[in-house]
Amino acid sequence: MAGSPLEDVGNAVKDAAYVSIGLGVIAFQRLQVRRNELTKSLGSSADEARGTLDVVGNLVGERVKLVEERMAAAREQLTGRIVGGR
């Protein structure tokens, strides 16, 4: 039995609304998956960068310590020459 034209239009609108809502939900879920993938990707890159900065920081710290030791030795030599030269 065919419904009235008004019922057919109402059913078509209802079906279109359900399809639109379904497509919106699917799109939202796909965006969430992409966001999670991007967050993981950036997180691992940030961890790698943090590790690299730690290594560089340690190297710089070692070099500063070496310069301080050499400056102390030079200061002692200079002080010895000034005091010994008098």
PDB file of N, CA and C in Angstrom:
ATOM      1  N   MET A   1       0.820  -1.165   0.000  1.00  0.00           N
ATOM      2  CA  MET A   1       0.000   0.000   0.000  1.00  0.00           C
ATOM      3  C   MET A   1       0.881   1.251   0.000  1.00  0.00           C
ATOM      4  N   ALA A   2       0.620   2.117  -0.880  1.00  0.00           N
ATOM      5  CA  ALA A   2       1.373   3.356  -0.966  1.00  0.00           C
ATOM      6  C   ALA A   2       0.773   4.370  -0.023  1.00  0.00           C
ATOM      7  N   GLY A   3       1.658   5.110   0.655  1.00  0.00           N
ATOM      8  CA  GLY A   3       1.186   6.138   1.574  1.00  0.00           C
ATOM      9  C   GLY A   3       0.833   7.396   0.796  1.00  0.00           C
ATOM     10  N   SER A   4       0.344   8.332   1.512  1.00  0.00           N
ATOM     11  CA  SER A   4       0.020   9.607   0.886  1.00  0.00           C
ATOM     12  C   SER A   4       1.313  10.326   0.524  1.00  0.00           C
ATOM     13  N   PRO A   5       1.246  11.240  -0.425  1.00  0.00           N
ATOM     14  CA  PRO A   5       2.457  11.977  -0.811  1.00  0.00           C
ATOM     15  C   PRO A   5       3.087  12.720   0.370  1.00  0.00           C
ATOM     16  N   LEU A   6       2.261  13.173   1.286  1.00  0.00           N
ATOM     17  CA  LEU A   6       2.791  13.878   2.450  1.00  0.00           C
ATOM     18  C   LEU A   6       3.578  12.922   3.347  1.00  0.00           C
ATOM     19  N   GLU A   7       3.090  11.685   3.494  1.00  0.00           N
ATOM     20  CA  GLU A   7       3.823  10.688   4.288  1.00  0.00           C
ATOM     21  C   GLU A   7       5.132  10.323   3.609  1.00  0.00           C
ATOM     22  N   ASP A   8       5.119  10.210   2.259  1.00  0.00           N
ATOM     23  CA  ASP A   8       6.333   9.888   1.513  1.00  0.00           C
ATOM     24  C   ASP A   8       7.390  10.977   1.697  1.00  0.00           C
ATOM     25  N   VAL A   9       6.967  12.225   1.660  1.00  0.00           N
ATOM     26  CA  VAL A   9       7.903  13.336   1.865  1.00  0.00           C
ATOM     27  C   VAL A   9       8.441  13.295   3.292  1.00  0.00           C
ATOM     28  N   GLY A  10       7.570  13.041   4.245  1.00  0.00           N
ATOM     29  CA  GLY A  10       7.997  12.965   5.647  1.00  0.00           C
ATOM     30  C   GLY A  10       8.999  11.842   5.862  1.00  0.00           C
ATOM     31  N   ASN A  11       8.742  10.687   5.247  1.00  0.00           N
ATOM     32  CA  ASN A  11       9.684   9.560   5.372  1.00  0.00           C
ATOM     33  C   ASN A  11      11.014   9.869   4.696  1.00  0.00           C
ATOM     34  N   ALA A  12      10.965  10.531   3.554  1.00  0.00           N
ATOM     35  CA  ALA A  12      12.199  10.896   2.854  1.00  0.00           C
ATOM     36  C   ALA A  12      13.024  11.878   3.685  1.00  0.00           C
ATOM     37  N   VAL A  13      12.360  12.826   4.317  1.00  0.00           N
ATOM     38  CA  VAL A  13      13.063  13.794   5.171  1.00  0.00           C
ATOM     39  C   VAL A  13      13.662  13.079   6.380  1.00  0.00           C
ATOM     40  N   LYS A  14      12.893  12.165   6.959  1.00  0.00           N
ATOM     41  CA  LYS A  14      13.392  11.424   8.120  1.00  0.00           C
ATOM     42  C   LYS A  14      14.612  10.584   7.736  1.00  0.00           C
ATOM     43  N   ASP A  15      14.534   9.887   6.591  1.00  0.00           N
ATOM     44  CA  ASP A  15      15.669   9.097   6.131  1.00  0.00           C
ATOM     45  C   ASP A  15      16.891   9.983   5.860  1.00  0.00           C
ATOM     46  N   ALA A  16      16.677  11.128   5.254  1.00  0.00           N
ATOM     47  CA  ALA A  16      17.781  12.050   4.975  1.00  0.00           C
ATOM     48  C   ALA A  16      18.414  12.533   6.282  1.00  0.00           C
ATOM     49  N   ALA A  17      17.578  12.780   7.285  1.00  0.00           N
ATOM     50  CA  ALA A  17      18.101  13.225   8.582  1.00  0.00           C
ATOM     51  C   ALA A  17      18.941  12.120   9.219  1.00  0.00           C
ATOM     52  N   TYR A  18      18.445  10.860   9.168  1.00  0.00           N
ATOM     53  CA  TYR A  18      19.208   9.748   9.738  1.00  0.00           C
ATOM     54  C   TYR A  18      20.544   9.559   9.020  1.00  0.00           C
ATOM     55  N   VAL A  19      20.530   9.661   7.694  1.00  0.00           N
ATOM     56  CA  VAL A  19      21.766   9.517   6.926  1.00  0.00           C
ATOM     57  C   VAL A  19      22.735  10.647   7.271  1.00  0.00           C
ATOM     58  N   SER A  20      22.230  11.856   7.363  1.00  0.00           N
ATOM     59  CA  SER A  20      23.090  13.005   7.699  1.00  0.00           C
ATOM     60  C   SER A  20      23.712  12.837   9.074  1.00  0.00           C
ATOM     61  N   ILE A  21      22.915  12.419  10.043  1.00  0.00           N
ATOM     62  CA  ILE A  21      23.431  12.221  11.400  1.00  0.00           C
ATOM     63  C   ILE A  21      24.466  11.105  11.404  1.00  0.00           C
ATOM     64  N   GLY A  22      24.173  10.022  10.683  1.00  0.00           N
ATOM     65  CA  GLY A  22      25.130   8.905  10.602  1.00  0.00           C
ATOM     66  C   GLY A  22      26.450   9.331   9.993  1.00  0.00           C
ATOM     67  N   LEU A  23      26.388  10.092   8.912  1.00  0.00           N
ATOM     68  CA  LEU A  23      27.614  10.579   8.280  1.00  0.00           C
ATOM     69  C   LEU A  23      28.374  11.529   9.202  1.00  0.00           C
ATOM     70  N   GLY A  24      27.652  12.342   9.945  1.00  0.00           N
ATOM     71  CA  GLY A  24      28.299  13.242  10.903  1.00  0.00           C
ATOM     72  C   GLY A  24      29.026  12.470  12.000  1.00  0.00           C
ATOM     73  N   VAL A  25      28.392  11.403  12.490  1.00  0.00           N
ATOM     74  CA  VAL A  25      29.019  10.578  13.536  1.00  0.00           C
ATOM     75  C   VAL A  25      30.274   9.904  12.991  1.00  0.00           C
ATOM     76  N   ILE A  26      30.189   9.366  11.785  1.00  0.00           N
ATOM     77  CA  ILE A  26      31.352   8.711  11.178  1.00  0.00           C
ATOM     78  C   ILE A  26      32.489   9.716  10.973  1.00  0.00           C
ATOM     79  N   ALA A  27      32.168  10.902  10.491  1.00  0.00           N
ATOM     80  CA  ALA A  27      33.192  11.923  10.285  1.00  0.00           C
ATOM     81  C   ALA A  27      33.838  12.320  11.609  1.00  0.00           C
ATOM     82  N   PHE A  28      33.034  12.457  12.644  1.00  0.00           N
ATOM     83  CA  PHE A  28      33.575  12.817  13.959  1.00  0.00           C
ATOM     84  C   PHE A  28      34.509  11.723  14.473  1.00  0.00           C
ATOM     85  N   GLN A  29      34.122  10.469  14.311  1.00  0.00           N
ATOM     86  CA  GLN A  29      34.963   9.366  14.762  1.00  0.00           C
ATOM     87  C   GLN A  29      36.284   9.336  13.998  1.00  0.00           C
ATOM     88  N   ARG A  30      36.231   9.580  12.699  1.00  0.00           N
ATOM     89  CA  ARG A  30      37.460   9.602  11.910  1.00  0.00           C
ATOM     90  C   ARG A  30      38.375  10.740  12.348  1.00  0.00           C
ATOM     91  N   LEU A  31      37.791  11.889  12.659  1.00  0.00           N
ATOM     92  CA  LEU A  31      38.596  13.012  13.153  1.00  0.00           C
ATOM     93  C   LEU A  31      39.245  12.680  14.488  1.00  0.00           C
ATOM     94  N   GLN A  32      38.522  11.983  15.347  1.00  0.00           N
ATOM     95  CA  GLN A  32      39.088  11.590  16.641  1.00  0.00           C
ATOM     96  C   GLN A  32      40.274  10.653  16.444  1.00  0.00           C
ATOM     97  N   VAL A  33      40.137   9.699  15.509  1.00  0.00           N
ATOM     98  CA  VAL A  33      41.237   8.770  15.235  1.00  0.00           C
ATOM     99  C   VAL A  33      42.445   9.535  14.709  1.00  0.00           C
ATOM    100  N   ARG A  34      42.224  10.452  13.784  1.00  0.00           N
ATOM    101  CA  ARG A  34      43.327  11.261  13.235  1.00  0.00           C
ATOM    102  C   ARG A  34      43.986  12.096  14.330  1.00  0.00           C
ATOM    103  N   ARG A  35      43.169  12.674  15.207  1.00  0.00           N
ATOM    104  CA  ARG A  35      43.710  13.494  16.297  1.00  0.00           C
ATOM    105  C   ARG A  35      44.584  12.645  17.213  1.00  0.00           C
ATOM    106  N   ASN A  36      44.113  11.438  17.541  1.00  0.00           N
ATOM    107  CA  ASN A  36      44.895  10.547  18.395  1.00  0.00           C
ATOM    108  C   ASN A  36      46.205  10.136  17.731  1.00  0.00           C
ATOM    109  N   GLU A  37      46.153   9.850  16.422  1.00  0.00           N
ATOM    110  CA  GLU A  37      47.377   9.496  15.704  1.00  0.00           C
ATOM    111  C   GLU A  37      48.364  10.658  15.704  1.00  0.00           C
ATOM    112  N   LEU A  38      47.872  11.852  15.481  1.00  0.00           N
ATOM    113  CA  LEU A  38      48.732  13.036  15.468  1.00  0.00           C
ATOM    114  C   LEU A  38      49.326  13.295  16.848  1.00  0.00           C
ATOM    115  N   THR A  39      48.507  13.125  17.880  1.00  0.00           N
ATOM    116  CA  THR A  39      49.000  13.316  19.251  1.00  0.00           C
ATOM    117  C   THR A  39      50.116  12.329  19.561  1.00  0.00           C
ATOM    118  N   LYS A  40      49.936  11.077  19.165  1.00  0.00           N
ATOM    119  CA  LYS A  40      50.981  10.070  19.391  1.00  0.00           C
ATOM    120  C   LYS A  40      52.234  10.409  18.608  1.00  0.00           C
ATOM    121  N   SER A  41      52.052  10.830  17.372  1.00  0.00           N
ATOM    122  CA  SER A  41      53.190  11.167  16.525  1.00  0.00           C
ATOM    123  C   SER A  41      53.977  12.341  17.100  1.00  0.00           C
ATOM    124  N   LEU A  42      53.265  13.376  17.495  1.00  0.00           N
ATOM    125  CA  LEU A  42      53.938  14.546  18.075  1.00  0.00           C
ATOM    126  C   LEU A  42      54.532  14.216  19.431  1.00  0.00           C
ATOM    127  N   GLY A  43      53.874  13.351  20.169  1.00  0.00           N
ATOM    128  CA  GLY A  43      54.395  12.962  21.481  1.00  0.00           C
ATOM    129  C   GLY A  43      55.722  12.249  21.357  1.00  0.00           C
ATOM    130  N   SER A  44      55.841  11.321  20.400  1.00  0.00           N
ATOM    131  CA  SER A  44      57.106  10.620  20.227  1.00  0.00           C
ATOM    132  C   SER A  44      58.179  11.565  19.714  1.00  0.00           C
ATOM    133  N   SER A  45      57.813  12.516  18.862  1.00  0.00           N
ATOM    134  CA  SER A  45      58.780  13.499  18.382  1.00  0.00           C
ATOM    135  C   SER A  45      59.254  14.387  19.530  1.00  0.00           C
ATOM    136  N   ALA A  46      58.337  14.750  20.406  1.00  0.00           N
ATOM    137  CA  ALA A  46      58.699  15.578  21.558  1.00  0.00           C
ATOM    138  C   ALA A  46      59.625  14.807  22.491  1.00  0.00           C
ATOM    139  N   ASP A  47      59.357  13.510  22.680  1.00  0.00           N
ATOM    140  CA  ASP A  47      60.224  12.694  23.527  1.00  0.00           C
ATOM    141  C   ASP A  47      61.621  12.586  22.925  1.00  0.00           C
ATOM    142  N   GLU A  48      61.693  12.408  21.600  1.00  0.00           N
ATOM    143  CA  GLU A  48      62.989  12.344  20.937  1.00  0.00           C
ATOM    144  C   GLU A  48      63.730  13.668  21.085  1.00  0.00           C
ATOM    145  N   ALA A  49      63.018  14.771  20.908  1.00  0.00           N
ATOM    146  CA  ALA A  49      63.649  16.087  21.044  1.00  0.00           C
ATOM    147  C   ALA A  49      64.132  16.302  22.469  1.00  0.00           C
ATOM    148  N   ARG A  50      63.329  15.889  23.440  1.00  0.00           N
ATOM    149  CA  ARG A  50      63.710  16.030  24.836  1.00  0.00           C
ATOM    150  C   ARG A  50      64.973  15.215  25.123  1.00  0.00           C
ATOM    151  N   GLY A  51      65.036  13.999  24.563  1.00  0.00           N
ATOM    152  CA  GLY A  51      66.230  13.165  24.740  1.00  0.00           C
ATOM    153  C   GLY A  51      67.454  13.801  24.115  1.00  0.00           C
ATOM    154  N   THR A  52      67.287  14.370  22.937  1.00  0.00           N
ATOM    155  CA  THR A  52      68.401  15.040  22.266  1.00  0.00           C
ATOM    156  C   THR A  52      68.863  16.245  23.072  1.00  0.00           C
ATOM    157  N   LEU A  53      67.919  17.003  23.604  1.00  0.00           N
ATOM    158  CA  LEU A  53      68.289  18.156  24.431  1.00  0.00           C
ATOM    159  C   LEU A  53      69.027  17.719  25.693  1.00  0.00           C
ATOM    160  N   ASP A  54      68.628  16.596  26.263  1.00  0.00           N
ATOM    161  CA  ASP A  54      69.332  16.084  27.438  1.00  0.00           C
ATOM    162  C   ASP A  54      70.783  15.740  27.097  1.00  0.00           C
ATOM    163  N   VAL A  55      70.975  15.093  25.953  1.00  0.00           N
ATOM    164  CA  VAL A  55      72.333  14.726  25.531  1.00  0.00           C
ATOM    165  C   VAL A  55      73.169  15.979  25.293  1.00  0.00           C
ATOM    166  N   VAL A  56      72.599  16.938  24.578  1.00  0.00           N
ATOM    167  CA  VAL A  56      73.321  18.189  24.307  1.00  0.00           C
ATOM    168  C   VAL A  56      73.621  18.921  25.612  1.00  0.00           C
ATOM    169  N   GLY A  57      72.654  18.938  26.515  1.00  0.00           N
ATOM    170  CA  GLY A  57      72.861  19.590  27.809  1.00  0.00           C
ATOM    171  C   GLY A  57      73.996  18.955  28.588  1.00  0.00           C
ATOM    172  N   ASN A  58      74.062  17.627  28.559  1.00  0.00           N
ATOM    173  CA  ASN A  58      75.155  16.934  29.245  1.00  0.00           C
ATOM    174  C   ASN A  58      76.499  17.262  28.614  1.00  0.00           C
ATOM    175  N   LEU A  59      76.546  17.302  27.283  1.00  0.00           N
ATOM    176  CA  LEU A  59      77.800  17.639  26.605  1.00  0.00           C
ATOM    177  C   LEU A  59      78.237  19.058  26.938  1.00  0.00           C
ATOM    178  N   VAL A  60      77.296  19.982  26.915  1.00  0.00           N
ATOM    179  CA  VAL A  60      77.629  21.374  27.247  1.00  0.00           C
ATOM    180  C   VAL A  60      78.106  21.460  28.695  1.00  0.00           C
ATOM    181  N   GLY A  61      77.435  20.748  29.584  1.00  0.00           N
ATOM    182  CA  GLY A  61      77.847  20.743  30.991  1.00  0.00           C
ATOM    183  C   GLY A  61      79.268  20.226  31.165  1.00  0.00           C
ATOM    184  N   GLU A  62      79.611  19.161  30.427  1.00  0.00           N
ATOM    185  CA  GLU A  62      80.970  18.617  30.499  1.00  0.00           C
ATOM    186  C   GLU A  62      81.995  19.628  29.987  1.00  0.00           C
ATOM    187  N   ARG A  63      81.658  20.306  28.907  1.00  0.00           N
ATOM    188  CA  ARG A  63      82.581  21.302  28.334  1.00  0.00           C
ATOM    189  C   ARG A  63      82.757  22.489  29.278  1.00  0.00           C
ATOM    190  N   VAL A  64      81.688  22.927  29.891  1.00  0.00           N
ATOM    191  CA  VAL A  64      81.790  24.036  30.845  1.00  0.00           C
ATOM    192  C   VAL A  64      82.677  23.638  32.019  1.00  0.00           C
ATOM    193  N   LYS A  65      82.494  22.420  32.486  1.00  0.00           N
ATOM    194  CA  LYS A  65      83.326  21.931  33.598  1.00  0.00           C
ATOM    195  C   LYS A  65      84.794  21.898  33.190  1.00  0.00           C
ATOM    196  N   LEU A  66      85.076  21.451  31.967  1.00  0.00           N
ATOM    197  CA  LEU A  66      86.455  21.416  31.481  1.00  0.00           C
ATOM    198  C   LEU A  66      87.040  22.825  31.394  1.00  0.00           C
ATOM    199  N   VAL A  67      86.268  23.780  30.892  1.00  0.00           N
ATOM    200  CA  VAL A  67      86.741  25.170  30.805  1.00  0.00           C
ATOM    201  C   VAL A  67      87.001  25.725  32.203  1.00  0.00           C
ATOM    202  N   GLU A  68      86.106  25.439  33.158  1.00  0.00           N
ATOM    203  CA  GLU A  68      86.307  25.909  34.532  1.00  0.00           C
ATOM    204  C   GLU A  68      87.580  25.329  35.132  1.00  0.00           C
ATOM    205  N   GLU A  69      87.839  24.052  34.875  1.00  0.00           N
ATOM    206  CA  GLU A  69      89.064  23.431  35.397  1.00  0.00           C
ATOM    207  C   GLU A  69      90.300  24.076  34.787  1.00  0.00           C
ATOM    208  N   ARG A  70      90.269  24.338  33.494  1.00  0.00           N
ATOM    209  CA  ARG A  70      91.413  24.959  32.838  1.00  0.00           C
ATOM    210  C   ARG A  70      91.605  26.394  33.304  1.00  0.00           C
ATOM    211  N   MET A  71      90.520  27.117  33.528  1.00  0.00           N
ATOM    212  CA  MET A  71      90.625  28.485  34.044  1.00  0.00           C
ATOM    213  C   MET A  71      91.223  28.487  35.451  1.00  0.00           C
ATOM    214  N   ALA A  72      90.811  27.519  36.271  1.00  0.00           N
ATOM    215  CA  ALA A  72      91.356  27.442  37.635  1.00  0.00           C
ATOM    216  C   ALA A  72      92.855  27.157  37.586  1.00  0.00           C
ATOM    217  N   ALA A  73      93.255  26.246  36.688  1.00  0.00           N
ATOM    218  CA  ALA A  73      94.690  25.937  36.560  1.00  0.00           C
ATOM    219  C   ALA A  73      95.457  27.161  36.064  1.00  0.00           C
ATOM    220  N   ALA A  74      94.909  27.878  35.100  1.00  0.00           N
ATOM    221  CA  ALA A  74      95.582  29.070  34.589  1.00  0.00           C
ATOM    222  C   ALA A  74      95.672  30.134  35.673  1.00  0.00           C
ATOM    223  N   ARG A  75      94.604  30.285  36.486  1.00  0.00           N
ATOM    224  CA  ARG A  75      94.607  31.259  37.578  1.00  0.00           C
ATOM    225  C   ARG A  75      95.702  30.915  38.597  1.00  0.00           C
ATOM    226  N   GLU A  76      95.823  29.624  38.898  1.00  0.00           N
ATOM    227  CA  GLU A  76      96.863  29.208  39.855  1.00  0.00           C
ATOM    228  C   GLU A  76      98.255  29.503  39.306  1.00  0.00           C
ATOM    229  N   GLN A  77      98.475  29.224  38.019  1.00  0.00           N
ATOM    230  CA  GLN A  77      99.781  29.509  37.419  1.00  0.00           C
ATOM    231  C   GLN A  77     100.074  31.002  37.443  1.00  0.00           C
ATOM    232  N   LEU A  78      99.092  31.800  37.099  1.00  0.00           N
ATOM    233  CA  LEU A  78      99.272  33.247  37.081  1.00  0.00           C
ATOM    234  C   LEU A  78      99.528  33.772  38.485  1.00  0.00           C
ATOM    235  N   THR A  79      98.764  33.278  39.438  1.00  0.00           N
ATOM    236  CA  THR A  79      98.949  33.702  40.837  1.00  0.00           C
ATOM    237  C   THR A  79     100.351  33.297  41.318  1.00  0.00           C
ATOM    238  N   GLY A  80     100.779  32.085  40.947  1.00  0.00           N
ATOM    239  CA  GLY A  80     102.130  31.628  41.332  1.00  0.00           C
ATOM    240  C   GLY A  80     103.208  32.487  40.729  1.00  0.00           C
ATOM    241  N   ARG A  81     103.047  32.921  39.507  1.00  0.00           N
ATOM    242  CA  ARG A  81     104.041  33.760  38.859  1.00  0.00           C
ATOM    243  C   ARG A  81     104.075  35.146  39.471  1.00  0.00           C
ATOM    244  N   ILE A  82     102.874  35.697  39.792  1.00  0.00           N
ATOM    245  CA  ILE A  82     102.832  37.034  40.390  1.00  0.00           C
ATOM    246  C   ILE A  82     103.450  37.000  41.767  1.00  0.00           C
ATOM    247  N   VAL A  83     103.072  36.040  42.585  1.00  0.00           N
ATOM    248  CA  VAL A  83     103.580  35.957  43.954  1.00  0.00           C
ATOM    249  C   VAL A  83     105.057  35.563  43.932  1.00  0.00           C
ATOM    250  N   GLY A  84     105.442  34.616  43.088  1.00  0.00           N
ATOM    251  CA  GLY A  84     106.820  34.142  43.012  1.00  0.00           C
ATOM    252  C   GLY A  84     107.743  35.178  42.378  1.00  0.00           C
ATOM    253  N   GLY A  85     107.250  36.033  41.506  1.00  0.00           N
ATOM    254  CA  GLY A  85     108.057  37.025  40.805  1.00  0.00           C
ATOM    255  C   GLY A  85     108.425  38.187  41.683  1.00  0.00           C
ATOM    256  N   ARG A  86     107.780  38.387  42.790  1.00  0.00           N
ATOM    257  CA  ARG A  86     108.065  39.546  43.649  1.00  0.00           C
ATOM    258  C   ARG A  86     109.250  39.332  44.476  1.00  0.00           C
TER     259      ARG A  86
END
